[in-house]
Amino acid sequence: MTGSITQSSGAGHATILGLGAYRPRRVVSNAEILEHIDSSDEWIQTRSGIKERRWADPDETVLAMSVSAAKDALTDSGIDPAQIGCVIVATVTHLYQTPAIATQIAVEVGAPTAAAFDVSAACAGFCYGVALANDLVRGGSSPYVLVIGVERLSDITDRTDRGTAFIFADGAGAAVVGPSDQNGIGPVVWGSDGTQHHVIAQKESWQEAAESANWPNLTMEGNPVFRWASYEMAKVAQQALDVAGVKAEDLDAFIPHQANNRITDAMIRSLKLPEHVKVARDIVRQGNTSAASVPLAIDAMRESGELKSGDTALIIGFGAGLVYAAQVIRLP
């Protein structure tokens, strides 16, 4: 060995500097969903809390929604797009195996030479992206990172499936992560349970879909998912608080993946959250948007005035795989 390899070094701390969101124009009521399934508005609301959801029109593509949310996040952060060193896009509905949609988004937002890649971590995707961005900024690999969660789940939803037709929706959320004088992103608690990979899954492989000429759709075994999310994810959320050195009473907000209001209620009870902690309920009007769920929920709470700059929030995503990720963050 003739010499040592120089190691890059980054910021001492990282934080979320700006947020952005895109909600599709079309509002889909439970009444419209009921045109295709044998159910009722009362059943849907009791089971999930959902009253309506957003479905994207043809022009509201994964690319278009992502770019809109990303530009809002960049404006909110005050960061020049040219300073973005990496673009991470969490999605399971960019329907091309390659190239990654992140490369096109990077060009559209004004960061054409940024490193860019997609992450397939389902409903935990945004939290995965924030964890990666935190490490990239602190490790010196990128000065600023753009993280996007985006989905067009309406493309892969079976409108006649009573178990899933009312759940899934579309949208995009984005965050700019960069250096900070104090820590704004706590350690991530993440993992997976591949033994349950089948409980939320695409029905057919793309090869099978091509051979049958049928579009592949998502399937979900509701009861196992509910039990896992309600009880196991509460443990993960508590671990995220513990490793961040934050107690439940120190939180201003709890922002879980918007999967089901009953799951959220179960987690609140398990975590013993005080009444002053505001809880995201974006699922009521937005539905389940998978990787876009957490940033859209943050956006809704900021718009309503429930959250303000500097607030401390616990975020957690969980979904197909089964994968999960949670961390404590400071709001920009």
C-alpha atoms as a PDB file:
ATOM      1  CA  MET A   1       0.000   0.000   0.000  1.00  0.00           C
ATOM      2  CA  THR A   2       1.569   3.284  -1.168  1.00  0.00           C
ATOM      3  CA  GLY A   3      -0.831   5.796   0.363  1.00  0.00           C
ATOM      4  CA  SER A   4      -4.065   6.332   2.234  1.00  0.00           C
ATOM      5  CA  ILE A   5      -7.424   7.080   0.641  1.00  0.00           C
ATOM      6  CA  THR A   6      -8.863  10.463   1.526  1.00  0.00           C
ATOM      7  CA  GLN A   7     -12.303  10.315   3.102  1.00  0.00           C
ATOM      8  CA  SER A   8     -14.915  12.982   2.372  1.00  0.00           C
ATOM      9  CA  SER A   9     -16.524  14.807   5.261  1.00  0.00           C
ATOM     10  CA  GLY A  10     -19.822  16.631   5.322  1.00  0.00           C
ATOM     11  CA  ALA A  11     -22.004  18.686   7.598  1.00  0.00           C
ATOM     12  CA  GLY A  12     -22.137  18.042  11.313  1.00  0.00           C
ATOM     13  CA  HIS A  13     -25.933  18.035  11.194  1.00  0.00           C
ATOM     14  CA  ALA A  14     -28.659  17.783   8.574  1.00  0.00           C
ATOM     15  CA  THR A  15     -32.275  18.904   8.487  1.00  0.00           C
ATOM     16  CA  ILE A  16     -35.264  19.283   6.185  1.00  0.00           C
ATOM     17  CA  LEU A  17     -35.014  22.778   4.720  1.00  0.00           C
ATOM     18  CA  GLY A  18     -38.156  22.883   2.614  1.00  0.00           C
ATOM     19  CA  LEU A  19     -41.271  20.935   1.696  1.00  0.00           C
ATOM     20  CA  GLY A  20     -43.579  20.760  -1.308  1.00  0.00           C
ATOM     21  CA  ALA A  21     -46.654  18.820  -2.402  1.00  0.00           C
ATOM     22  CA  TYR A  22     -48.867  18.067  -5.370  1.00  0.00           C
ATOM     23  CA  ARG A  23     -52.443  16.829  -5.122  1.00  0.00           C
ATOM     24  CA  PRO A  24     -54.239  15.760  -8.313  1.00  0.00           C
ATOM     25  CA  ARG A  25     -57.194  17.842  -9.441  1.00  0.00           C
ATOM     26  CA  ARG A  26     -59.751  15.043  -9.547  1.00  0.00           C
ATOM     27  CA  VAL A  27     -61.573  14.292  -6.293  1.00  0.00           C
ATOM     28  CA  VAL A  28     -63.098  10.803  -6.184  1.00  0.00           C
ATOM     29  CA  SER A  29     -65.904  10.276  -3.672  1.00  0.00           C
ATOM     30  CA  ASN A  30     -66.883   7.039  -1.991  1.00  0.00           C
ATOM     31  CA  ALA A  31     -70.058   7.160  -4.060  1.00  0.00           C
ATOM     32  CA  GLU A  32     -67.995   6.824  -7.241  1.00  0.00           C
ATOM     33  CA  ILE A  33     -66.040   3.910  -5.765  1.00  0.00           C
ATOM     34  CA  LEU A  34     -69.330   2.189  -4.886  1.00  0.00           C
ATOM     35  CA  GLU A  35     -70.320   2.112  -8.565  1.00  0.00           C
ATOM     36  CA  HIS A  36     -67.866  -0.782  -8.965  1.00  0.00           C
ATOM     37  CA  ILE A  37     -67.927  -2.658  -5.628  1.00  0.00           C
ATOM     38  CA  ASP A  38     -70.623  -4.061  -3.341  1.00  0.00           C
ATOM     39  CA  SER A  39     -70.116  -1.986  -0.201  1.00  0.00           C
ATOM     40  CA  SER A  40     -71.326   1.201   1.475  1.00  0.00           C
ATOM     41  CA  ASP A  41     -70.019   4.626   2.404  1.00  0.00           C
ATOM     42  CA  GLU A  42     -70.431   3.738   6.085  1.00  0.00           C
ATOM     43  CA  TRP A  43     -68.372   0.533   5.669  1.00  0.00           C
ATOM     44  CA  ILE A  44     -65.561   2.353   3.860  1.00  0.00           C
ATOM     45  CA  GLN A  45     -65.372   5.135   6.455  1.00  0.00           C
ATOM     46  CA  THR A  46     -65.574   2.703   9.372  1.00  0.00           C
ATOM     47  CA  ARG A  47     -62.878   0.443   7.958  1.00  0.00           C
ATOM     48  CA  SER A  48     -60.453   3.151   6.805  1.00  0.00           C
ATOM     49  CA  GLY A  49     -61.629   6.666   7.620  1.00  0.00           C
ATOM     50  CA  ILE A  50     -61.585   7.609   3.931  1.00  0.00           C
ATOM     51  CA  LYS A  51     -64.285   9.961   2.635  1.00  0.00           C
ATOM     52  CA  GLU A  52     -62.629  10.827  -0.664  1.00  0.00           C
ATOM     53  CA  ARG A  53     -59.339  10.485  -2.498  1.00  0.00           C
ATOM     54  CA  ARG A  54     -57.446  12.068  -5.398  1.00  0.00           C
ATOM     55  CA  TRP A  55     -56.838  10.272  -8.701  1.00  0.00           C
ATOM     56  CA  ALA A  56     -54.530  11.722 -11.324  1.00  0.00           C
ATOM     57  CA  ASP A  57     -55.690  12.714 -14.799  1.00  0.00           C
ATOM     58  CA  PRO A  58     -53.610  11.565 -17.801  1.00  0.00           C
ATOM     59  CA  ASP A  59     -51.505  14.750 -17.815  1.00  0.00           C
ATOM     60  CA  GLU A  60     -50.729  14.401 -14.083  1.00  0.00           C
ATOM     61  CA  THR A  61     -47.951  11.903 -14.647  1.00  0.00           C
ATOM     62  CA  VAL A  62     -45.437  10.636 -12.093  1.00  0.00           C
ATOM     63  CA  LEU A  63     -42.953  13.053 -13.673  1.00  0.00           C
ATOM     64  CA  ALA A  64     -45.299  16.061 -13.714  1.00  0.00           C
ATOM     65  CA  MET A  65     -46.481  15.600 -10.124  1.00  0.00           C
ATOM     66  CA  SER A  66     -42.919  15.068  -8.900  1.00  0.00           C
ATOM     67  CA  VAL A  67     -41.573  18.158 -10.621  1.00  0.00           C
ATOM     68  CA  SER A  68     -44.366  20.334  -9.238  1.00  0.00           C
ATOM     69  CA  ALA A  69     -43.824  19.118  -5.662  1.00  0.00           C
ATOM     70  CA  ALA A  70     -40.040  19.377  -6.016  1.00  0.00           C
ATOM     71  CA  LYS A  71     -40.140  22.961  -7.296  1.00  0.00           C
ATOM     72  CA  ASP A  72     -42.352  23.943  -4.358  1.00  0.00           C
ATOM     73  CA  ALA A  73     -39.898  22.299  -1.951  1.00  0.00           C
ATOM     74  CA  LEU A  74     -36.957  24.106  -3.543  1.00  0.00           C
ATOM     75  CA  THR A  75     -38.776  27.443  -3.307  1.00  0.00           C
ATOM     76  CA  ASP A  76     -39.692  26.721   0.317  1.00  0.00           C
ATOM     77  CA  SER A  77     -36.064  25.896   1.129  1.00  0.00           C
ATOM     78  CA  GLY A  78     -34.531  28.871  -0.683  1.00  0.00           C
ATOM     79  CA  ILE A  79     -31.932  26.535  -2.220  1.00  0.00           C
ATOM     80  CA  ASP A  80     -30.785  27.036  -5.813  1.00  0.00           C
ATOM     81  CA  PRO A  81     -31.593  23.862  -7.800  1.00  0.00           C
ATOM     82  CA  ALA A  82     -28.017  23.833  -9.083  1.00  0.00           C
ATOM     83  CA  GLN A  83     -26.888  23.086  -5.510  1.00  0.00           C
ATOM     84  CA  ILE A  84     -28.784  19.789  -5.417  1.00  0.00           C
ATOM     85  CA  GLY A  85     -26.230  16.993  -5.542  1.00  0.00           C
ATOM     86  CA  CYS A  86     -28.610  14.042  -5.424  1.00  0.00           C
ATOM     87  CA  VAL A  87     -32.251  13.316  -6.292  1.00  0.00           C
ATOM     88  CA  ILE A  88     -33.946  10.346  -4.597  1.00  0.00           C
ATOM     89  CA  VAL A  89     -37.410   9.316  -5.774  1.00  0.00           C
ATOM     90  CA  ALA A  90     -39.481   6.835  -3.774  1.00  0.00           C
ATOM     91  CA  THR A  91     -42.154   5.209  -5.947  1.00  0.00           C
ATOM     92  CA  VAL A  92     -43.617   1.871  -6.998  1.00  0.00           C
ATOM     93  CA  THR A  93     -45.690   3.300  -9.846  1.00  0.00           C
ATOM     94  CA  HIS A  94     -43.097   4.589 -12.302  1.00  0.00           C
ATOM     95  CA  LEU A  95     -44.008   1.898 -14.795  1.00  0.00           C
ATOM     96  CA  TYR A  96     -40.622   1.652 -16.505  1.00  0.00           C
ATOM     97  CA  GLN A  97     -37.997  -0.717 -15.162  1.00  0.00           C
ATOM     98  CA  THR A  98     -35.327   1.683 -16.434  1.00  0.00           C
ATOM     99  CA  PRO A  99     -34.246   4.448 -16.560  1.00  0.00           C
ATOM    100  CA  ALA A 100     -35.075   5.782 -13.129  1.00  0.00           C
ATOM    101  CA  ILE A 101     -37.602   8.638 -13.152  1.00  0.00           C
ATOM    102  CA  ALA A 102     -35.235  10.523 -10.818  1.00  0.00           C
ATOM    103  CA  THR A 103     -32.921  11.282 -13.740  1.00  0.00           C
ATOM    104  CA  GLN A 104     -35.689  13.048 -15.673  1.00  0.00           C
ATOM    105  CA  ILE A 105     -36.865  14.923 -12.599  1.00  0.00           C
ATOM    106  CA  ALA A 106     -33.327  16.167 -11.944  1.00  0.00           C
ATOM    107  CA  VAL A 107     -33.243  17.753 -15.407  1.00  0.00           C
ATOM    108  CA  GLU A 108     -36.710  19.283 -15.074  1.00  0.00           C
ATOM    109  CA  VAL A 109     -35.991  20.944 -11.714  1.00  0.00           C
ATOM    110  CA  GLY A 110     -32.641  22.397 -12.801  1.00  0.00           C
ATOM    111  CA  ALA A 111     -30.188  19.877 -11.350  1.00  0.00           C
ATOM    112  CA  PRO A 112     -29.196  18.024 -14.540  1.00  0.00           C
ATOM    113  CA  THR A 113     -25.901  16.618 -13.285  1.00  0.00           C
ATOM    114  CA  ALA A 114     -27.102  15.466  -9.850  1.00  0.00           C
ATOM    115  CA  ALA A 115     -26.816  11.822  -8.869  1.00  0.00           C
ATOM    116  CA  ALA A 116     -30.300  10.382  -9.286  1.00  0.00           C
ATOM    117  CA  PHE A 117     -31.979   7.097  -8.434  1.00  0.00           C
ATOM    118  CA  ASP A 118     -35.325   5.549  -7.507  1.00  0.00           C
ATOM    119  CA  VAL A 119     -36.146   3.679  -4.307  1.00  0.00           C
ATOM    120  CA  SER A 120     -38.735   0.878  -4.202  1.00  0.00           C
ATOM    121  CA  ALA A 121     -39.748   0.776  -0.549  1.00  0.00           C
ATOM    122  CA  ALA A 122     -43.501   1.148  -0.957  1.00  0.00           C
ATOM    123  CA  CYS A 123     -45.192   3.193   1.770  1.00  0.00           C
ATOM    124  CA  ALA A 124     -41.926   3.550   3.709  1.00  0.00           C
ATOM    125  CA  GLY A 125     -40.198   5.047   0.676  1.00  0.00           C
ATOM    126  CA  PHE A 126     -40.185   8.699   1.747  1.00  0.00           C
ATOM    127  CA  CYS A 127     -38.814   7.857   5.200  1.00  0.00           C
ATOM    128  CA  TYR A 128     -36.151   5.689   3.535  1.00  0.00           C
ATOM    129  CA  GLY A 129     -35.268   8.631   1.310  1.00  0.00           C
ATOM    130  CA  VAL A 130     -34.985  11.062   4.232  1.00  0.00           C
ATOM    131  CA  ALA A 131     -32.682   8.606   6.042  1.00  0.00           C
ATOM    132  CA  LEU A 132     -30.444   8.275   2.979  1.00  0.00           C
ATOM    133  CA  ALA A 133     -30.406  12.044   2.425  1.00  0.00           C
ATOM    134  CA  ASN A 134     -29.416  12.649   6.046  1.00  0.00           C
ATOM    135  CA  ASP A 135     -26.448  10.284   5.676  1.00  0.00           C
ATOM    136  CA  LEU A 136     -25.429  11.725   2.285  1.00  0.00           C
ATOM    137  CA  VAL A 137     -25.317  15.286   3.627  1.00  0.00           C
ATOM    138  CA  ARG A 138     -23.518  14.347   6.820  1.00  0.00           C
ATOM    139  CA  GLY A 139     -21.128  12.032   5.003  1.00  0.00           C
ATOM    140  CA  GLY A 140     -20.147  14.649   2.440  1.00  0.00           C
ATOM    141  CA  SER A 141     -21.488  12.807  -0.612  1.00  0.00           C
ATOM    142  CA  SER A 142     -23.971  15.557  -1.465  1.00  0.00           C
ATOM    143  CA  PRO A 143     -24.371  19.157  -0.225  1.00  0.00           C
ATOM    144  CA  TYR A 144     -28.157  19.106  -0.662  1.00  0.00           C
ATOM    145  CA  VAL A 145     -30.521  16.242  -1.462  1.00  0.00           C
ATOM    146  CA  LEU A 146     -33.971  16.358  -3.013  1.00  0.00           C
ATOM    147  CA  VAL A 147     -36.256  13.572  -1.741  1.00  0.00           C
ATOM    148  CA  ILE A 148     -39.562  12.856  -3.494  1.00  0.00           C
ATOM    149  CA  GLY A 149     -42.357  10.416  -2.713  1.00  0.00           C
ATOM    150  CA  VAL A 150     -44.737  10.006  -5.644  1.00  0.00           C
ATOM    151  CA  GLU A 151     -47.424   7.540  -6.695  1.00  0.00           C
ATOM    152  CA  ARG A 152     -50.146   6.965  -9.281  1.00  0.00           C
ATOM    153  CA  LEU A 153     -51.678   3.991  -7.495  1.00  0.00           C
ATOM    154  CA  SER A 154     -54.899   4.422  -9.457  1.00  0.00           C
ATOM    155  CA  ASP A 155     -52.985   2.896 -12.396  1.00  0.00           C
ATOM    156  CA  ILE A 156     -52.535  -0.423 -10.592  1.00  0.00           C
ATOM    157  CA  THR A 157     -55.741  -0.534  -8.537  1.00  0.00           C
ATOM    158  CA  ASP A 158     -58.454  -3.045  -9.414  1.00  0.00           C
ATOM    159  CA  ARG A 159     -61.607  -0.900  -9.333  1.00  0.00           C
ATOM    160  CA  THR A 160     -63.717  -4.043  -8.697  1.00  0.00           C
ATOM    161  CA  ASP A 161     -61.698  -5.384  -5.745  1.00  0.00           C
ATOM    162  CA  ARG A 162     -63.784  -4.757  -2.614  1.00  0.00           C
ATOM    163  CA  GLY A 163     -60.689  -4.992  -0.392  1.00  0.00           C
ATOM    164  CA  THR A 164     -58.518  -2.387  -2.145  1.00  0.00           C
ATOM    165  CA  ALA A 165     -60.550  -0.270  -4.581  1.00  0.00           C
ATOM    166  CA  PHE A 166     -61.424   2.373  -1.974  1.00  0.00           C
ATOM    167  CA  ILE A 167     -57.946   2.670  -0.446  1.00  0.00           C
ATOM    168  CA  PHE A 168     -55.370   3.790  -2.975  1.00  0.00           C
ATOM    169  CA  ALA A 169     -54.790   7.243  -4.424  1.00  0.00           C
ATOM    170  CA  ASP A 170     -52.297   9.513  -6.196  1.00  0.00           C
ATOM    171  CA  GLY A 171     -50.042  12.449  -5.376  1.00  0.00           C
ATOM    172  CA  ALA A 172     -46.506  13.642  -4.700  1.00  0.00           C
ATOM    173  CA  GLY A 173     -44.565  15.168  -1.831  1.00  0.00           C
ATOM    174  CA  ALA A 174     -40.988  16.448  -1.721  1.00  0.00           C
ATOM    175  CA  ALA A 175     -38.359  17.626   0.733  1.00  0.00           C
ATOM    176  CA  VAL A 176     -34.981  19.335   0.444  1.00  0.00           C
ATOM    177  CA  VAL A 177     -32.455  18.028   2.965  1.00  0.00           C
ATOM    178  CA  GLY A 178     -29.298  20.007   3.697  1.00  0.00           C
ATOM    179  CA  PRO A 179     -26.759  21.058   6.328  1.00  0.00           C
ATOM    180  CA  SER A 180     -27.802  22.652   9.600  1.00  0.00           C
ATOM    181  CA  ASP A 181     -26.310  24.131  12.765  1.00  0.00           C
ATOM    182  CA  GLN A 182     -28.330  21.654  14.831  1.00  0.00           C
ATOM    183  CA  ASN A 183     -29.639  18.183  14.204  1.00  0.00           C
ATOM    184  CA  GLY A 184     -33.028  18.147  12.503  1.00  0.00           C
ATOM    185  CA  ILE A 185     -33.285  14.463  11.556  1.00  0.00           C
ATOM    186  CA  GLY A 186     -33.053  11.738  14.167  1.00  0.00           C
ATOM    187  CA  PRO A 187     -31.537   8.287  13.629  1.00  0.00           C
ATOM    188  CA  VAL A 188     -33.648   6.047  11.442  1.00  0.00           C
ATOM    189  CA  VAL A 189     -35.160   2.837  12.757  1.00  0.00           C
ATOM    190  CA  TRP A 190     -35.817   0.711   9.705  1.00  0.00           C
ATOM    191  CA  GLY A 191     -36.062  -2.846   8.556  1.00  0.00           C
ATOM    192  CA  SER A 192     -38.220  -5.441   6.847  1.00  0.00           C
ATOM    193  CA  ASP A 193     -40.061  -8.706   7.333  1.00  0.00           C
ATOM    194  CA  GLY A 194     -39.751 -10.570   4.052  1.00  0.00           C
ATOM    195  CA  THR A 195     -41.599 -13.565   5.453  1.00  0.00           C
ATOM    196  CA  GLN A 196     -44.761 -11.513   4.848  1.00  0.00           C
ATOM    197  CA  HIS A 197     -43.827 -10.213   1.404  1.00  0.00           C
ATOM    198  CA  HIS A 198     -47.006 -11.726  -0.064  1.00  0.00           C
ATOM    199  CA  VAL A 199     -49.581  -9.830   2.039  1.00  0.00           C
ATOM    200  CA  ILE A 200     -49.272  -6.651  -0.063  1.00  0.00           C
ATOM    201  CA  ALA A 201     -48.099  -7.423  -3.560  1.00  0.00           C
ATOM    202  CA  GLN A 202     -48.515  -6.943  -7.281  1.00  0.00           C
ATOM    203  CA  LYS A 203     -50.831  -9.721  -8.449  1.00  0.00           C
ATOM    204  CA  GLU A 204     -48.791 -10.816 -11.485  1.00  0.00           C
ATOM    205  CA  SER A 205     -45.249 -10.326 -12.714  1.00  0.00           C
ATOM    206  CA  TRP A 206     -44.819  -8.079 -15.743  1.00  0.00           C
ATOM    207  CA  GLN A 207     -44.051 -11.192 -17.823  1.00  0.00           C
ATOM    208  CA  GLU A 208     -47.302 -12.839 -16.745  1.00  0.00           C
ATOM    209  CA  ALA A 209     -49.175  -9.619 -17.430  1.00  0.00           C
ATOM    210  CA  ALA A 210     -47.708  -9.388 -20.928  1.00  0.00           C
ATOM    211  CA  GLU A 211     -48.613 -13.007 -21.698  1.00  0.00           C
ATOM    212  CA  SER A 212     -52.190 -12.624 -20.456  1.00  0.00           C
ATOM    213  CA  ALA A 213     -52.718  -9.064 -21.728  1.00  0.00           C
ATOM    214  CA  ASN A 214     -54.134  -8.163 -18.313  1.00  0.00           C
ATOM    215  CA  TRP A 215     -52.909  -5.173 -16.347  1.00  0.00           C
ATOM    216  CA  PRO A 216     -51.265  -6.208 -13.042  1.00  0.00           C
ATOM    217  CA  ASN A 217     -52.972  -4.889  -9.914  1.00  0.00           C
ATOM    218  CA  LEU A 218     -52.153  -4.636  -6.228  1.00  0.00           C
ATOM    219  CA  THR A 219     -53.548  -7.190  -3.818  1.00  0.00           C
ATOM    220  CA  MET A 220     -53.650  -6.959  -0.042  1.00  0.00           C
ATOM    221  CA  GLU A 221     -54.537  -9.334   2.784  1.00  0.00           C
ATOM    222  CA  GLY A 222     -56.185  -6.817   5.063  1.00  0.00           C
ATOM    223  CA  ASN A 223     -56.230  -8.607   8.423  1.00  0.00           C
ATOM    224  CA  PRO A 224     -52.528  -9.607   8.579  1.00  0.00           C
ATOM    225  CA  VAL A 225     -51.505  -6.123   7.436  1.00  0.00           C
ATOM    226  CA  PHE A 226     -53.732  -4.476  10.044  1.00  0.00           C
ATOM    227  CA  ARG A 227     -52.354  -6.611  12.874  1.00  0.00           C
ATOM    228  CA  TRP A 228     -48.741  -6.074  11.828  1.00  0.00           C
ATOM    229  CA  ALA A 229     -49.070  -2.332  11.316  1.00  0.00           C
ATOM    230  CA  SER A 230     -51.121  -1.686  14.464  1.00  0.00           C
ATOM    231  CA  TYR A 231     -48.848  -3.491  16.891  1.00  0.00           C
ATOM    232  CA  GLU A 232     -45.390  -4.014  15.414  1.00  0.00           C
ATOM    233  CA  MET A 233     -45.127  -0.489  13.988  1.00  0.00           C
ATOM    234  CA  ALA A 234     -45.965   1.066  17.349  1.00  0.00           C
ATOM    235  CA  LYS A 235     -42.829  -0.663  18.666  1.00  0.00           C
ATOM    236  CA  VAL A 236     -40.771   0.773  15.799  1.00  0.00           C
ATOM    237  CA  ALA A 237     -42.175   4.253  16.447  1.00  0.00           C
ATOM    238  CA  GLN A 238     -41.199   3.981  20.112  1.00  0.00           C
ATOM    239  CA  GLN A 239     -37.693   2.873  19.129  1.00  0.00           C
ATOM    240  CA  ALA A 240     -37.376   5.950  16.885  1.00  0.00           C
ATOM    241  CA  LEU A 241     -38.274   8.167  19.839  1.00  0.00           C
ATOM    242  CA  ASP A 242     -35.798   6.364  22.081  1.00  0.00           C
ATOM    243  CA  VAL A 243     -32.806   6.592  19.726  1.00  0.00           C
ATOM    244  CA  ALA A 244     -33.554  10.290  19.110  1.00  0.00           C
ATOM    245  CA  GLY A 245     -33.690  10.962  22.845  1.00  0.00           C
ATOM    246  CA  VAL A 246     -37.199  12.344  22.528  1.00  0.00           C
ATOM    247  CA  LYS A 247     -40.163  11.509  24.733  1.00  0.00           C
ATOM    248  CA  ALA A 248     -43.762  11.321  23.549  1.00  0.00           C
ATOM    249  CA  GLU A 249     -44.607  14.471  25.517  1.00  0.00           C
ATOM    250  CA  ASP A 250     -41.850  16.352  23.653  1.00  0.00           C
ATOM    251  CA  LEU A 251     -43.556  15.836  20.304  1.00  0.00           C
ATOM    252  CA  ASP A 252     -45.631  18.442  18.549  1.00  0.00           C
ATOM    253  CA  ALA A 253     -46.965  16.018  15.951  1.00  0.00           C
ATOM    254  CA  PHE A 254     -47.261  12.359  14.997  1.00  0.00           C
ATOM    255  CA  ILE A 255     -47.314  11.810  11.243  1.00  0.00           C
ATOM    256  CA  PRO A 256     -47.706   8.132  10.351  1.00  0.00           C
ATOM    257  CA  HIS A 257     -48.192   6.681   6.882  1.00  0.00           C
ATOM    258  CA  GLN A 258     -51.808   7.346   5.986  1.00  0.00           C
ATOM    259  CA  ALA A 259     -52.867   3.722   5.638  1.00  0.00           C
ATOM    260  CA  ASN A 260     -55.899   3.491   7.881  1.00  0.00           C
ATOM    261  CA  ASN A 261     -57.299   5.647  10.672  1.00  0.00           C
ATOM    262  CA  ARG A 262     -57.816   2.568  12.868  1.00  0.00           C
ATOM    263  CA  ILE A 263     -54.107   1.725  12.569  1.00  0.00           C
ATOM    264  CA  THR A 264     -53.255   5.296  13.541  1.00  0.00           C
ATOM    265  CA  ASP A 265     -55.576   5.088  16.555  1.00  0.00           C
ATOM    266  CA  ALA A 266     -53.962   1.826  17.701  1.00  0.00           C
ATOM    267  CA  MET A 267     -50.495   3.370  17.465  1.00  0.00           C
ATOM    268  CA  ILE A 268     -51.573   6.441  19.436  1.00  0.00           C
ATOM    269  CA  ARG A 269     -52.828   4.226  22.245  1.00  0.00           C
ATOM    270  CA  SER A 270     -49.676   2.119  22.268  1.00  0.00           C
ATOM    271  CA  LEU A 271     -47.383   5.164  22.275  1.00  0.00           C
ATOM    272  CA  LYS A 272     -49.530   6.849  24.937  1.00  0.00           C
ATOM    273  CA  LEU A 273     -49.378  10.141  23.078  1.00  0.00           C
ATOM    274  CA  PRO A 274     -50.518  13.171  25.105  1.00  0.00           C
ATOM    275  CA  GLU A 275     -53.541  15.109  23.857  1.00  0.00           C
ATOM    276  CA  HIS A 276     -51.428  18.089  22.795  1.00  0.00           C
ATOM    277  CA  VAL A 277     -49.658  16.002  20.115  1.00  0.00           C
ATOM    278  CA  LYS A 278     -51.345  16.713  16.795  1.00  0.00           C
ATOM    279  CA  VAL A 279     -51.990  13.651  14.630  1.00  0.00           C
ATOM    280  CA  ALA A 280     -52.074  13.521  10.822  1.00  0.00           C
ATOM    281  CA  ARG A 281     -55.445  12.472   9.372  1.00  0.00           C
ATOM    282  CA  ASP A 282     -54.840  13.294   5.718  1.00  0.00           C
ATOM    283  CA  ILE A 283     -56.215   9.894   4.685  1.00  0.00           C
ATOM    284  CA  VAL A 284     -59.767  11.197   5.158  1.00  0.00           C
ATOM    285  CA  ARG A 285     -59.516  13.462   2.104  1.00  0.00           C
ATOM    286  CA  GLN A 286     -56.492  12.071   0.284  1.00  0.00           C
ATOM    287  CA  GLY A 287     -56.615   8.279   0.619  1.00  0.00           C
ATOM    288  CA  ASN A 288     -53.514   6.082   0.799  1.00  0.00           C
ATOM    289  CA  THR A 289     -50.791   7.449  -1.476  1.00  0.00           C
ATOM    290  CA  SER A 290     -48.003   5.061  -0.414  1.00  0.00           C
ATOM    291  CA  ALA A 291     -44.619   6.815  -0.766  1.00  0.00           C
ATOM    292  CA  ALA A 292     -46.305  10.237  -1.053  1.00  0.00           C
ATOM    293  CA  SER A 293     -48.372   9.711   2.085  1.00  0.00           C
ATOM    294  CA  VAL A 294     -46.086  11.165   4.773  1.00  0.00           C
ATOM    295  CA  PRO A 295     -45.008  14.349   2.941  1.00  0.00           C
ATOM    296  CA  LEU A 296     -48.584  15.035   1.833  1.00  0.00           C
ATOM    297  CA  ALA A 297     -49.742  14.650   5.427  1.00  0.00           C
ATOM    298  CA  ILE A 298     -47.051  17.078   6.621  1.00  0.00           C
ATOM    299  CA  ASP A 299     -48.147  19.536   3.932  1.00  0.00           C
ATOM    300  CA  ALA A 300     -51.791  19.313   5.024  1.00  0.00           C
ATOM    301  CA  MET A 301     -50.888  20.034   8.646  1.00  0.00           C
ATOM    302  CA  ARG A 302     -48.714  22.992   7.662  1.00  0.00           C
ATOM    303  CA  GLU A 303     -51.464  24.421   5.452  1.00  0.00           C
ATOM    304  CA  SER A 304     -54.050  24.091   8.230  1.00  0.00           C
ATOM    305  CA  GLY A 305     -51.781  25.820  10.730  1.00  0.00           C
ATOM    306  CA  GLU A 306     -51.504  22.734  12.941  1.00  0.00           C
ATOM    307  CA  LEU A 307     -47.731  22.715  12.441  1.00  0.00           C
ATOM    308  CA  LYS A 308     -45.258  25.567  12.494  1.00  0.00           C
ATOM    309  CA  SER A 309     -41.575  26.032  11.806  1.00  0.00           C
ATOM    310  CA  GLY A 310     -39.373  24.282  14.342  1.00  0.00           C
ATOM    311  CA  ASP A 311     -42.001  21.795  15.499  1.00  0.00           C
ATOM    312  CA  THR A 312     -40.830  18.281  16.342  1.00  0.00           C
ATOM    313  CA  ALA A 313     -42.586  15.404  14.607  1.00  0.00           C
ATOM    314  CA  LEU A 314     -42.352  11.638  14.591  1.00  0.00           C
ATOM    315  CA  ILE A 315     -42.792  10.201  11.097  1.00  0.00           C
ATOM    316  CA  ILE A 316     -43.164   6.540  10.185  1.00  0.00           C
ATOM    317  CA  GLY A 317     -43.811   4.692   6.945  1.00  0.00           C
ATOM    318  CA  PHE A 318     -44.672   1.008   6.521  1.00  0.00           C
ATOM    319  CA  GLY A 319     -45.939  -1.173   3.709  1.00  0.00           C
ATOM    320  CA  ALA A 320     -45.336  -3.833   1.073  1.00  0.00           C
ATOM    321  CA  GLY A 321     -42.356  -6.012   1.646  1.00  0.00           C
ATOM    322  CA  LEU A 322     -43.049  -5.713   4.530  1.00  0.00           C
ATOM    323  CA  VAL A 323     -40.793  -2.695   5.045  1.00  0.00           C
ATOM    324  CA  TYR A 324     -40.749   0.109   7.580  1.00  0.00           C
ATOM    325  CA  ALA A 325     -38.813   3.210   8.619  1.00  0.00           C
ATOM    326  CA  ALA A 326     -39.301   5.836  11.323  1.00  0.00           C
ATOM    327  CA  GLN A 327     -37.454   8.927  12.526  1.00  0.00           C
ATOM    328  CA  VAL A 328     -37.962  12.121  14.490  1.00  0.00           C
ATOM    329  CA  ILE A 329     -37.658  15.299  12.409  1.00  0.00           C
ATOM    330  CA  ARG A 330     -37.731  19.035  12.909  1.00  0.00           C
ATOM    331  CA  LEU A 331     -40.086  20.937  10.619  1.00  0.00           C
ATOM    332  CA  PRO A 332     -38.510  23.667   8.452  1.00  0.00           C
END
